[in-house]
Amino acid sequence: MENGTSPVLLQLEGLMVPPSSRSLVFLSLLLSHVFIVGSNLGVVALVWSEHALHQPMYLLMCQLAVNEVMNNLAVVPRILWDMLLPVHRRLIPLGTCVTQAFAVHMYGWNIHAILILMSIDRYVAICRPLRYNENIPIMSKWVMLMTVFSWGLGFLLVSGLLGLSLRLTRCRFFIPAPYCSNASLFRLSCQNTFINNVYGITFTVVLLTGSIGSVVLTYGFITVACLTTRSRSLNRKALQTCSTHLLLYLIVLFSGLSVIALHRYPEYEEYRKMTSILYNVIPAVLNPFIYAFQCREIYQSLRRVFKRLRIDK
């Protein structure tokens, strides 16, 4: 029975690591977390400070970086803290668990929504270059409006997802996972969770279908434009501007599908837990590298910043 006068405490399994590997895993996660927060905030600061980067694609990069930072701050510090404690002391208040689950699912929604907007932006920039270059301020406003809309829609959908889980009474208090998620919350109940499963599956299918469909469609149009114009400059521009986006999208998609696929195989439960952590870490670590070293504008802006710093010294 739950006590109505005191906060409900849940026991979180956390990341189960053999004692011989605990120090290495802890240090790797800690360094990854510091790099993710520092590098992604650095991307935001660079785009904010460089007027040349006030373009739709780089505004979307900022949104992506902010999303990565918010998710990692919600997930990784808790995992690191729990690694220092025995399992029976890994307690988390229900409210904190719900907040963490909300951040995790908002991250999943936002990263796909932002990558969809990036693919549309690349399509317009490559297939309608004159109109795009003439209306960059308008495109930037459109990007910001669509970003606000997608974040708002995600907020409502994820709130509904977690609201359905919170309505259930709990007969269990142990979460066999590294961090909280919607599935881990509704599995604490002994009630019928049919509605939760239907809503969760529908949410995932709609998100992935819309994401994959949008990317395939826009890149199909880009491919047709490159083949029909037979322009080397257009093909070079498409390869340069789309390769970074497509690489990041494939990493995010493969990581997410791996977690979903492993849910169906209970014998691989430990692999699923590790994959779920990597899903939150790997794209966030690779994101600054992919854009910093493959986007010429980002690279040139970094050179200008370092040059100014040397002059000031």
C-alpha atoms as a PDB file:
ATOM      1  CA  MET A   1       0.000   0.000   0.000  1.00  0.00           C
ATOM      2  CA  GLU A   2       1.150   3.543  -0.766  1.00  0.00           C
ATOM      3  CA  ASN A   3       1.406   6.084   2.014  1.00  0.00           C
ATOM      4  CA  GLY A   4      -0.602   9.170   1.111  1.00  0.00           C
ATOM      5  CA  THR A   5       1.315  11.455   3.483  1.00  0.00           C
ATOM      6  CA  SER A   6       4.892  10.693   2.411  1.00  0.00           C
ATOM      7  CA  PRO A   7       6.509  10.637  -1.038  1.00  0.00           C
ATOM      8  CA  VAL A   8       6.418   7.301  -2.825  1.00  0.00           C
ATOM      9  CA  LEU A   9       9.912   5.838  -3.159  1.00  0.00           C
ATOM     10  CA  LEU A  10      10.809   3.436  -5.961  1.00  0.00           C
ATOM     11  CA  GLN A  11      13.840   1.194  -6.088  1.00  0.00           C
ATOM     12  CA  LEU A  12      15.835   1.619  -9.287  1.00  0.00           C
ATOM     13  CA  GLU A  13      18.080  -1.241 -10.366  1.00  0.00           C
ATOM     14  CA  GLY A  14      20.465   1.132 -12.132  1.00  0.00           C
ATOM     15  CA  LEU A  15      23.392  -0.054 -14.198  1.00  0.00           C
ATOM     16  CA  MET A  16      24.607  -3.467 -13.087  1.00  0.00           C
ATOM     17  CA  VAL A  17      28.351  -3.656 -13.696  1.00  0.00           C
ATOM     18  CA  PRO A  18      30.842  -6.263 -12.416  1.00  0.00           C
ATOM     19  CA  PRO A  19      33.067  -4.805  -9.669  1.00  0.00           C
ATOM     20  CA  SER A  20      36.157  -5.335 -11.831  1.00  0.00           C
ATOM     21  CA  SER A  21      34.738  -3.073 -14.566  1.00  0.00           C
ATOM     22  CA  ARG A  22      32.875  -0.539 -12.420  1.00  0.00           C
ATOM     23  CA  SER A  23      35.637   2.080 -12.279  1.00  0.00           C
ATOM     24  CA  LEU A  24      36.216   1.964 -16.045  1.00  0.00           C
ATOM     25  CA  VAL A  25      32.502   2.203 -16.870  1.00  0.00           C
ATOM     26  CA  PHE A  26      31.981   4.994 -14.338  1.00  0.00           C
ATOM     27  CA  LEU A  27      34.884   7.032 -15.695  1.00  0.00           C
ATOM     28  CA  SER A  28      33.816   6.472 -19.318  1.00  0.00           C
ATOM     29  CA  LEU A  29      30.261   7.611 -18.597  1.00  0.00           C
ATOM     30  CA  LEU A  30      31.461  10.605 -16.587  1.00  0.00           C
ATOM     31  CA  LEU A  31      33.855  11.793 -19.306  1.00  0.00           C
ATOM     32  CA  SER A  32      31.201  11.240 -21.975  1.00  0.00           C
ATOM     33  CA  HIS A  33      28.701  13.272 -19.957  1.00  0.00           C
ATOM     34  CA  VAL A  34      31.128  16.158 -19.430  1.00  0.00           C
ATOM     35  CA  PHE A  35      31.999  16.145 -23.138  1.00  0.00           C
ATOM     36  CA  ILE A  36      28.340  16.017 -24.209  1.00  0.00           C
ATOM     37  CA  VAL A  37      27.303  18.956 -22.046  1.00  0.00           C
ATOM     38  CA  GLY A  38      30.393  21.047 -22.805  1.00  0.00           C
ATOM     39  CA  SER A  39      30.576  20.424 -26.556  1.00  0.00           C
ATOM     40  CA  ASN A  40      26.851  20.821 -27.235  1.00  0.00           C
ATOM     41  CA  LEU A  41      26.669  24.020 -25.199  1.00  0.00           C
ATOM     42  CA  GLY A  42      29.735  25.133 -27.165  1.00  0.00           C
ATOM     43  CA  VAL A  43      27.820  24.569 -30.416  1.00  0.00           C
ATOM     44  CA  VAL A  44      24.945  26.686 -29.080  1.00  0.00           C
ATOM     45  CA  ALA A  45      27.315  29.469 -28.003  1.00  0.00           C
ATOM     46  CA  LEU A  46      29.117  29.413 -31.369  1.00  0.00           C
ATOM     47  CA  VAL A  47      25.932  29.657 -33.418  1.00  0.00           C
ATOM     48  CA  TRP A  48      24.590  32.371 -31.112  1.00  0.00           C
ATOM     49  CA  SER A  49      27.762  34.482 -31.360  1.00  0.00           C
ATOM     50  CA  GLU A  50      28.485  34.087 -35.098  1.00  0.00           C
ATOM     51  CA  HIS A  51      26.114  36.099 -37.299  1.00  0.00           C
ATOM     52  CA  ALA A  52      27.105  34.010 -40.344  1.00  0.00           C
ATOM     53  CA  LEU A  53      25.560  30.972 -38.656  1.00  0.00           C
ATOM     54  CA  HIS A  54      22.145  32.563 -38.094  1.00  0.00           C
ATOM     55  CA  GLN A  55      20.609  30.283 -40.704  1.00  0.00           C
ATOM     56  CA  PRO A  56      17.863  27.645 -40.468  1.00  0.00           C
ATOM     57  CA  MET A  57      20.197  24.625 -40.486  1.00  0.00           C
ATOM     58  CA  TYR A  58      22.336  25.960 -37.650  1.00  0.00           C
ATOM     59  CA  LEU A  59      19.324  27.042 -35.622  1.00  0.00           C
ATOM     60  CA  LEU A  60      18.147  23.442 -35.865  1.00  0.00           C
ATOM     61  CA  MET A  61      21.593  22.312 -34.765  1.00  0.00           C
ATOM     62  CA  CYS A  62      21.152  24.465 -31.661  1.00  0.00           C
ATOM     63  CA  GLN A  63      17.809  22.826 -30.956  1.00  0.00           C
ATOM     64  CA  LEU A  64      19.462  19.426 -31.358  1.00  0.00           C
ATOM     65  CA  ALA A  65      22.284  20.378 -28.992  1.00  0.00           C
ATOM     66  CA  VAL A  66      19.883  21.721 -26.341  1.00  0.00           C
ATOM     67  CA  ASN A  67      17.841  18.521 -26.593  1.00  0.00           C
ATOM     68  CA  GLU A  68      20.961  16.379 -26.102  1.00  0.00           C
ATOM     69  CA  VAL A  69      22.059  18.384 -23.047  1.00  0.00           C
ATOM     70  CA  MET A  70      18.628  18.287 -21.380  1.00  0.00           C
ATOM     71  CA  ASN A  71      18.330  14.520 -21.832  1.00  0.00           C
ATOM     72  CA  ASN A  72      21.835  13.768 -20.572  1.00  0.00           C
ATOM     73  CA  LEU A  73      21.399  15.977 -17.507  1.00  0.00           C
ATOM     74  CA  ALA A  74      18.205  14.068 -16.693  1.00  0.00           C
ATOM     75  CA  VAL A  75      19.641  10.562 -17.173  1.00  0.00           C
ATOM     76  CA  VAL A  76      23.422  10.221 -16.821  1.00  0.00           C
ATOM     77  CA  PRO A  77      24.099  11.912 -13.421  1.00  0.00           C
ATOM     78  CA  ARG A  78      21.486   9.653 -11.825  1.00  0.00           C
ATOM     79  CA  ILE A  79      23.091   6.542 -13.353  1.00  0.00           C
ATOM     80  CA  LEU A  80      26.516   7.642 -12.104  1.00  0.00           C
ATOM     81  CA  TRP A  81      25.196   8.319  -8.601  1.00  0.00           C
ATOM     82  CA  ASP A  82      23.469   4.930  -8.421  1.00  0.00           C
ATOM     83  CA  MET A  83      26.685   3.168  -9.447  1.00  0.00           C
ATOM     84  CA  LEU A  84      28.213   4.378  -6.169  1.00  0.00           C
ATOM     85  CA  LEU A  85      25.416   2.776  -4.116  1.00  0.00           C
ATOM     86  CA  PRO A  86      24.357  -0.821  -3.460  1.00  0.00           C
ATOM     87  CA  VAL A  87      21.145  -1.834  -5.251  1.00  0.00           C
ATOM     88  CA  HIS A  88      18.998  -1.754  -2.094  1.00  0.00           C
ATOM     89  CA  ARG A  89      19.885   1.942  -1.573  1.00  0.00           C
ATOM     90  CA  ARG A  90      19.106   3.069  -5.123  1.00  0.00           C
ATOM     91  CA  LEU A  91      15.857   4.780  -4.196  1.00  0.00           C
ATOM     92  CA  ILE A  92      14.173   7.425  -6.319  1.00  0.00           C
ATOM     93  CA  PRO A  93      11.022   9.465  -5.497  1.00  0.00           C
ATOM     94  CA  LEU A  94       8.099   8.845  -7.819  1.00  0.00           C
ATOM     95  CA  GLY A  95       8.054  12.504  -8.900  1.00  0.00           C
ATOM     96  CA  THR A  96      11.743  12.410  -9.844  1.00  0.00           C
ATOM     97  CA  CYS A  97      11.192   9.163 -11.735  1.00  0.00           C
ATOM     98  CA  VAL A  98       8.303  10.681 -13.697  1.00  0.00           C
ATOM     99  CA  THR A  99      10.405  13.758 -14.509  1.00  0.00           C
ATOM    100  CA  GLN A 100      13.225  11.557 -15.776  1.00  0.00           C
ATOM    101  CA  ALA A 101      10.821   9.489 -17.883  1.00  0.00           C
ATOM    102  CA  PHE A 102       9.324  12.688 -19.302  1.00  0.00           C
ATOM    103  CA  ALA A 103      12.798  13.942 -20.316  1.00  0.00           C
ATOM    104  CA  VAL A 104      13.668  10.599 -21.946  1.00  0.00           C
ATOM    105  CA  HIS A 105      10.521  10.476 -24.075  1.00  0.00           C
ATOM    106  CA  MET A 106      10.685  14.180 -24.969  1.00  0.00           C
ATOM    107  CA  TYR A 107      14.247  13.546 -26.143  1.00  0.00           C
ATOM    108  CA  GLY A 108      13.078  10.726 -28.411  1.00  0.00           C
ATOM    109  CA  TRP A 109      10.280  12.849 -29.850  1.00  0.00           C
ATOM    110  CA  ASN A 110      12.366  15.998 -30.280  1.00  0.00           C
ATOM    111  CA  ILE A 111      15.378  14.394 -31.915  1.00  0.00           C
ATOM    112  CA  HIS A 112      13.200  12.870 -34.649  1.00  0.00           C
ATOM    113  CA  ALA A 113      11.171  16.076 -35.070  1.00  0.00           C
ATOM    114  CA  ILE A 114      14.353  18.158 -35.430  1.00  0.00           C
ATOM    115  CA  LEU A 115      15.875  15.708 -37.928  1.00  0.00           C
ATOM    116  CA  ILE A 116      12.647  15.831 -39.966  1.00  0.00           C
ATOM    117  CA  LEU A 117      12.872  19.641 -40.086  1.00  0.00           C
ATOM    118  CA  MET A 118      16.540  19.345 -41.088  1.00  0.00           C
ATOM    119  CA  SER A 119      15.656  17.078 -44.007  1.00  0.00           C
ATOM    120  CA  ILE A 120      12.980  19.526 -45.196  1.00  0.00           C
ATOM    121  CA  ASP A 121      15.435  22.402 -44.876  1.00  0.00           C
ATOM    122  CA  ARG A 122      18.032  20.490 -46.958  1.00  0.00           C
ATOM    123  CA  TYR A 123      15.423  19.736 -49.615  1.00  0.00           C
ATOM    124  CA  VAL A 124      14.456  23.397 -49.994  1.00  0.00           C
ATOM    125  CA  ALA A 125      18.097  24.558 -49.925  1.00  0.00           C
ATOM    126  CA  ILE A 126      19.175  22.119 -52.667  1.00  0.00           C
ATOM    127  CA  CYS A 127      16.085  21.874 -54.861  1.00  0.00           C
ATOM    128  CA  ARG A 128      14.975  25.529 -54.515  1.00  0.00           C
ATOM    129  CA  PRO A 129      18.310  27.311 -53.921  1.00  0.00           C
ATOM    130  CA  LEU A 130      17.348  30.758 -55.291  1.00  0.00           C
ATOM    131  CA  ARG A 131      14.138  30.950 -53.288  1.00  0.00           C
ATOM    132  CA  TYR A 132      15.911  29.600 -50.208  1.00  0.00           C
ATOM    133  CA  ASN A 133      18.823  32.072 -50.332  1.00  0.00           C
ATOM    134  CA  GLU A 134      16.508  35.012 -50.918  1.00  0.00           C
ATOM    135  CA  ASN A 135      14.284  34.132 -47.970  1.00  0.00           C
ATOM    136  CA  ILE A 136      16.696  32.926 -45.276  1.00  0.00           C
ATOM    137  CA  PRO A 137      15.154  35.254 -42.610  1.00  0.00           C
ATOM    138  CA  ILE A 138      11.685  33.920 -43.490  1.00  0.00           C
ATOM    139  CA  MET A 139      12.962  30.327 -43.426  1.00  0.00           C
ATOM    140  CA  SER A 140      14.576  30.973 -40.039  1.00  0.00           C
ATOM    141  CA  LYS A 141      11.263  32.216 -38.625  1.00  0.00           C
ATOM    142  CA  TRP A 142       9.505  29.193 -40.144  1.00  0.00           C
ATOM    143  CA  VAL A 143      12.036  26.876 -38.519  1.00  0.00           C
ATOM    144  CA  MET A 144      11.533  28.505 -35.110  1.00  0.00           C
ATOM    145  CA  LEU A 145       7.731  28.317 -35.421  1.00  0.00           C
ATOM    146  CA  MET A 146       7.849  24.665 -36.460  1.00  0.00           C
ATOM    147  CA  THR A 147      10.265  23.914 -33.618  1.00  0.00           C
ATOM    148  CA  VAL A 148       7.934  25.508 -31.064  1.00  0.00           C
ATOM    149  CA  PHE A 149       5.017  23.590 -32.569  1.00  0.00           C
ATOM    150  CA  SER A 150       6.851  20.240 -32.513  1.00  0.00           C
ATOM    151  CA  TRP A 151       8.076  20.729 -28.932  1.00  0.00           C
ATOM    152  CA  GLY A 152       4.555  21.733 -27.859  1.00  0.00           C
ATOM    153  CA  LEU A 153       2.985  18.734 -29.591  1.00  0.00           C
ATOM    154  CA  GLY A 154       5.601  16.462 -28.051  1.00  0.00           C
ATOM    155  CA  PHE A 155       4.859  17.915 -24.611  1.00  0.00           C
ATOM    156  CA  LEU A 156       1.164  17.090 -24.981  1.00  0.00           C
ATOM    157  CA  LEU A 157       1.720  13.567 -26.352  1.00  0.00           C
ATOM    158  CA  VAL A 158       4.336  12.619 -23.761  1.00  0.00           C
ATOM    159  CA  SER A 159       2.176  14.083 -20.976  1.00  0.00           C
ATOM    160  CA  GLY A 160      -0.665  11.865 -22.166  1.00  0.00           C
ATOM    161  CA  LEU A 161       1.676   8.880 -22.265  1.00  0.00           C
ATOM    162  CA  LEU A 162       2.797   9.366 -18.661  1.00  0.00           C
ATOM    163  CA  GLY A 163      -0.652  10.445 -17.486  1.00  0.00           C
ATOM    164  CA  LEU A 164      -2.031   7.044 -18.462  1.00  0.00           C
ATOM    165  CA  SER A 165       0.667   5.384 -16.358  1.00  0.00           C
ATOM    166  CA  LEU A 166       0.178   7.620 -13.323  1.00  0.00           C
ATOM    167  CA  ARG A 167      -3.548   6.811 -13.179  1.00  0.00           C
ATOM    168  CA  LEU A 168      -2.675   3.204 -12.330  1.00  0.00           C
ATOM    169  CA  THR A 169      -2.206   2.011  -8.751  1.00  0.00           C
ATOM    170  CA  ARG A 170       1.164   0.432  -7.994  1.00  0.00           C
ATOM    171  CA  CYS A 171       1.682  -3.020  -6.500  1.00  0.00           C
ATOM    172  CA  ARG A 172       5.418  -3.112  -7.242  1.00  0.00           C
ATOM    173  CA  PHE A 173       8.158  -0.648  -6.406  1.00  0.00           C
ATOM    174  CA  PHE A 174      11.219  -2.125  -8.122  1.00  0.00           C
ATOM    175  CA  ILE A 175      12.246  -0.855 -11.579  1.00  0.00           C
ATOM    176  CA  PRO A 176      14.589  -3.341 -13.336  1.00  0.00           C
ATOM    177  CA  ALA A 177      16.164  -0.696 -15.578  1.00  0.00           C
ATOM    178  CA  PRO A 178      19.054   1.819 -15.540  1.00  0.00           C
ATOM    179  CA  TYR A 179      16.637   4.769 -15.552  1.00  0.00           C
ATOM    180  CA  CYS A 180      12.925   5.529 -15.507  1.00  0.00           C
ATOM    181  CA  SER A 181      10.742   5.337 -18.593  1.00  0.00           C
ATOM    182  CA  ASN A 182       7.031   5.130 -19.296  1.00  0.00           C
ATOM    183  CA  ALA A 183       7.164   1.349 -19.725  1.00  0.00           C
ATOM    184  CA  SER A 184       8.942   0.903 -16.399  1.00  0.00           C
ATOM    185  CA  LEU A 185       6.284   3.026 -14.688  1.00  0.00           C
ATOM    186  CA  PHE A 186       3.163   1.250 -15.943  1.00  0.00           C
ATOM    187  CA  ARG A 187       4.757  -2.152 -15.343  1.00  0.00           C
ATOM    188  CA  LEU A 188       4.713  -1.325 -11.630  1.00  0.00           C
ATOM    189  CA  SER A 189       0.943  -1.789 -11.701  1.00  0.00           C
ATOM    190  CA  CYS A 190      -1.038  -5.032 -11.425  1.00  0.00           C
ATOM    191  CA  GLN A 191      -3.977  -3.454 -13.286  1.00  0.00           C
ATOM    192  CA  ASN A 192      -4.823  -3.923 -16.952  1.00  0.00           C
ATOM    193  CA  THR A 193      -2.325  -1.912 -19.024  1.00  0.00           C
ATOM    194  CA  PHE A 194      -3.902  -2.556 -22.440  1.00  0.00           C
ATOM    195  CA  ILE A 195      -4.593   1.158 -23.056  1.00  0.00           C
ATOM    196  CA  ASN A 196      -1.024   2.044 -22.078  1.00  0.00           C
ATOM    197  CA  ASN A 197       0.392  -0.508 -24.515  1.00  0.00           C
ATOM    198  CA  VAL A 198      -1.843   0.666 -27.363  1.00  0.00           C
ATOM    199  CA  TYR A 199      -1.010   4.332 -26.759  1.00  0.00           C
ATOM    200  CA  GLY A 200       2.725   3.597 -26.442  1.00  0.00           C
ATOM    201  CA  ILE A 201       2.841   1.460 -29.601  1.00  0.00           C
ATOM    202  CA  THR A 202       0.811   4.041 -31.540  1.00  0.00           C
ATOM    203  CA  PHE A 203       3.106   6.832 -30.316  1.00  0.00           C
ATOM    204  CA  THR A 204       6.212   4.898 -31.442  1.00  0.00           C
ATOM    205  CA  VAL A 205       4.773   3.800 -34.799  1.00  0.00           C
ATOM    206  CA  VAL A 206       3.536   7.285 -35.708  1.00  0.00           C
ATOM    207  CA  LEU A 207       6.852   8.862 -34.712  1.00  0.00           C
ATOM    208  CA  LEU A 208       9.048   6.377 -36.595  1.00  0.00           C
ATOM    209  CA  THR A 209       6.746   6.209 -39.640  1.00  0.00           C
ATOM    210  CA  GLY A 210       6.620   9.997 -39.912  1.00  0.00           C
ATOM    211  CA  SER A 211      10.363  10.262 -39.361  1.00  0.00           C
ATOM    212  CA  ILE A 212      11.439   7.571 -41.847  1.00  0.00           C
ATOM    213  CA  GLY A 213       8.804   8.630 -44.380  1.00  0.00           C
ATOM    214  CA  SER A 214       9.838  12.285 -44.290  1.00  0.00           C
ATOM    215  CA  VAL A 215      13.557  11.525 -44.658  1.00  0.00           C
ATOM    216  CA  VAL A 216      13.006   8.998 -47.476  1.00  0.00           C
ATOM    217  CA  LEU A 217      10.681  11.393 -49.308  1.00  0.00           C
ATOM    218  CA  THR A 218      12.907  14.465 -49.054  1.00  0.00           C
ATOM    219  CA  TYR A 219      16.068  12.557 -49.946  1.00  0.00           C
ATOM    220  CA  GLY A 220      14.216  10.965 -52.852  1.00  0.00           C
ATOM    221  CA  PHE A 221      13.439  14.435 -54.223  1.00  0.00           C
ATOM    222  CA  ILE A 222      17.054  15.514 -53.655  1.00  0.00           C
ATOM    223  CA  THR A 223      18.331  12.419 -55.517  1.00  0.00           C
ATOM    224  CA  VAL A 224      15.989  13.055 -58.442  1.00  0.00           C
ATOM    225  CA  ALA A 225      17.122  16.700 -58.600  1.00  0.00           C
ATOM    226  CA  CYS A 226      20.786  15.647 -58.674  1.00  0.00           C
ATOM    227  CA  LEU A 227      20.206  13.036 -61.381  1.00  0.00           C
ATOM    228  CA  THR A 228      18.076  15.227 -63.637  1.00  0.00           C
ATOM    229  CA  THR A 229      20.204  18.389 -63.560  1.00  0.00           C
ATOM    230  CA  ARG A 230      23.548  16.555 -64.017  1.00  0.00           C
ATOM    231  CA  SER A 231      25.219  19.459 -62.243  1.00  0.00           C
ATOM    232  CA  ARG A 232      28.476  18.693 -60.467  1.00  0.00           C
ATOM    233  CA  SER A 233      28.107  21.727 -58.233  1.00  0.00           C
ATOM    234  CA  LEU A 234      24.614  20.633 -57.171  1.00  0.00           C
ATOM    235  CA  ASN A 235      25.802  17.083 -56.508  1.00  0.00           C
ATOM    236  CA  ARG A 236      28.765  18.378 -54.504  1.00  0.00           C
ATOM    237  CA  LYS A 237      26.509  20.655 -52.454  1.00  0.00           C
ATOM    238  CA  ALA A 238      24.037  17.824 -51.820  1.00  0.00           C
ATOM    239  CA  LEU A 239      26.809  15.484 -50.697  1.00  0.00           C
ATOM    240  CA  GLN A 240      28.387  18.091 -48.436  1.00  0.00           C
ATOM    241  CA  THR A 241      25.211  19.330 -46.754  1.00  0.00           C
ATOM    242  CA  CYS A 242      23.251  16.075 -46.567  1.00  0.00           C
ATOM    243  CA  SER A 243      25.927  13.589 -45.532  1.00  0.00           C
ATOM    244  CA  THR A 244      26.178  14.993 -41.988  1.00  0.00           C
ATOM    245  CA  HIS A 245      22.420  14.999 -41.491  1.00  0.00           C
ATOM    246  CA  LEU A 246      21.939  11.523 -42.955  1.00  0.00           C
ATOM    247  CA  LEU A 247      24.786  10.053 -40.895  1.00  0.00           C
ATOM    248  CA  LEU A 248      23.378  11.430 -37.646  1.00  0.00           C
ATOM    249  CA  TYR A 249      19.862  10.294 -38.586  1.00  0.00           C
ATOM    250  CA  LEU A 250      21.008   6.722 -39.268  1.00  0.00           C
ATOM    251  CA  ILE A 251      22.870   6.610 -35.931  1.00  0.00           C
ATOM    252  CA  VAL A 252      19.773   7.809 -34.039  1.00  0.00           C
ATOM    253  CA  LEU A 253      17.446   5.475 -35.956  1.00  0.00           C
ATOM    254  CA  PHE A 254      19.654   2.399 -35.520  1.00  0.00           C
ATOM    255  CA  SER A 255      20.169   3.096 -31.803  1.00  0.00           C
ATOM    256  CA  GLY A 256      16.432   3.552 -31.197  1.00  0.00           C
ATOM    257  CA  LEU A 257      15.395   0.488 -33.213  1.00  0.00           C
ATOM    258  CA  SER A 258      17.960  -1.632 -31.349  1.00  0.00           C
ATOM    259  CA  VAL A 259      16.344  -0.760 -28.014  1.00  0.00           C
ATOM    260  CA  ILE A 260      12.852  -1.496 -29.395  1.00  0.00           C
ATOM    261  CA  ALA A 261      13.924  -4.809 -30.966  1.00  0.00           C
ATOM    262  CA  LEU A 262      15.648  -6.063 -27.803  1.00  0.00           C
ATOM    263  CA  HIS A 263      12.407  -5.526 -25.823  1.00  0.00           C
ATOM    264  CA  ARG A 264      11.081  -8.639 -27.596  1.00  0.00           C
ATOM    265  CA  TYR A 265      13.892 -10.862 -26.354  1.00  0.00           C
ATOM    266  CA  PRO A 266      13.879 -11.223 -22.543  1.00  0.00           C
ATOM    267  CA  GLU A 267      17.025 -13.369 -22.671  1.00  0.00           C
ATOM    268  CA  TYR A 268      18.920 -10.293 -23.890  1.00  0.00           C
ATOM    269  CA  GLU A 269      17.660  -8.052 -21.093  1.00  0.00           C
ATOM    270  CA  GLU A 270      21.144  -6.925 -20.024  1.00  0.00           C
ATOM    271  CA  TYR A 271      22.055  -6.031 -23.615  1.00  0.00           C
ATOM    272  CA  ARG A 272      18.855  -3.999 -23.883  1.00  0.00           C
ATOM    273  CA  LYS A 273      19.726  -2.043 -20.748  1.00  0.00           C
ATOM    274  CA  MET A 274      23.193  -1.231 -22.047  1.00  0.00           C
ATOM    275  CA  THR A 275      21.795  -0.331 -25.484  1.00  0.00           C
ATOM    276  CA  SER A 276      19.274   2.031 -23.895  1.00  0.00           C
ATOM    277  CA  ILE A 277      22.142   3.926 -22.240  1.00  0.00           C
ATOM    278  CA  LEU A 278      24.153   4.026 -25.466  1.00  0.00           C
ATOM    279  CA  TYR A 279      21.056   5.415 -27.239  1.00  0.00           C
ATOM    280  CA  ASN A 280      21.207   8.410 -24.919  1.00  0.00           C
ATOM    281  CA  VAL A 281      24.992   8.816 -25.122  1.00  0.00           C
ATOM    282  CA  ILE A 282      26.349   7.901 -28.573  1.00  0.00           C
ATOM    283  CA  PRO A 283      24.346  10.352 -30.759  1.00  0.00           C
ATOM    284  CA  ALA A 284      25.040  13.142 -28.257  1.00  0.00           C
ATOM    285  CA  VAL A 285      28.795  12.413 -28.314  1.00  0.00           C
ATOM    286  CA  LEU A 286      28.997  12.143 -32.116  1.00  0.00           C
ATOM    287  CA  ASN A 287      26.795  15.131 -32.894  1.00  0.00           C
ATOM    288  CA  PRO A 288      29.437  17.862 -32.271  1.00  0.00           C
ATOM    289  CA  PHE A 289      32.113  15.867 -34.138  1.00  0.00           C
ATOM    290  CA  ILE A 290      29.902  15.249 -37.161  1.00  0.00           C
ATOM    291  CA  TYR A 291      28.881  18.881 -37.578  1.00  0.00           C
ATOM    292  CA  ALA A 292      32.105  20.547 -36.463  1.00  0.00           C
ATOM    293  CA  PHE A 293      34.344  18.611 -38.837  1.00  0.00           C
ATOM    294  CA  GLN A 294      32.027  18.133 -41.828  1.00  0.00           C
ATOM    295  CA  CYS A 295      30.264  21.511 -41.995  1.00  0.00           C
ATOM    296  CA  ARG A 296      32.560  24.059 -43.582  1.00  0.00           C
ATOM    297  CA  GLU A 297      30.736  27.016 -42.030  1.00  0.00           C
ATOM    298  CA  ILE A 298      31.094  25.578 -38.512  1.00  0.00           C
ATOM    299  CA  TYR A 299      34.769  24.817 -39.093  1.00  0.00           C
ATOM    300  CA  GLN A 300      35.446  28.334 -40.415  1.00  0.00           C
ATOM    301  CA  SER A 301      33.578  29.905 -37.505  1.00  0.00           C
ATOM    302  CA  LEU A 302      35.645  27.883 -35.039  1.00  0.00           C
ATOM    303  CA  ARG A 303      38.829  29.092 -36.737  1.00  0.00           C
ATOM    304  CA  ARG A 304      37.653  32.706 -36.470  1.00  0.00           C
ATOM    305  CA  VAL A 305      36.860  32.274 -32.775  1.00  0.00           C
ATOM    306  CA  PHE A 306      40.287  30.753 -32.020  1.00  0.00           C
ATOM    307  CA  LYS A 307      41.972  33.467 -34.079  1.00  0.00           C
ATOM    308  CA  ARG A 308      40.222  36.189 -32.070  1.00  0.00           C
ATOM    309  CA  LEU A 309      41.217  34.486 -28.826  1.00  0.00           C
ATOM    310  CA  ARG A 310      44.890  34.430 -29.888  1.00  0.00           C
ATOM    311  CA  ILE A 311      44.740  38.109 -30.849  1.00  0.00           C
ATOM    312  CA  ASP A 312      43.174  39.060 -27.496  1.00  0.00           C
ATOM    313  CA  LYS A 313      46.018  37.322 -25.672  1.00  0.00           C
END
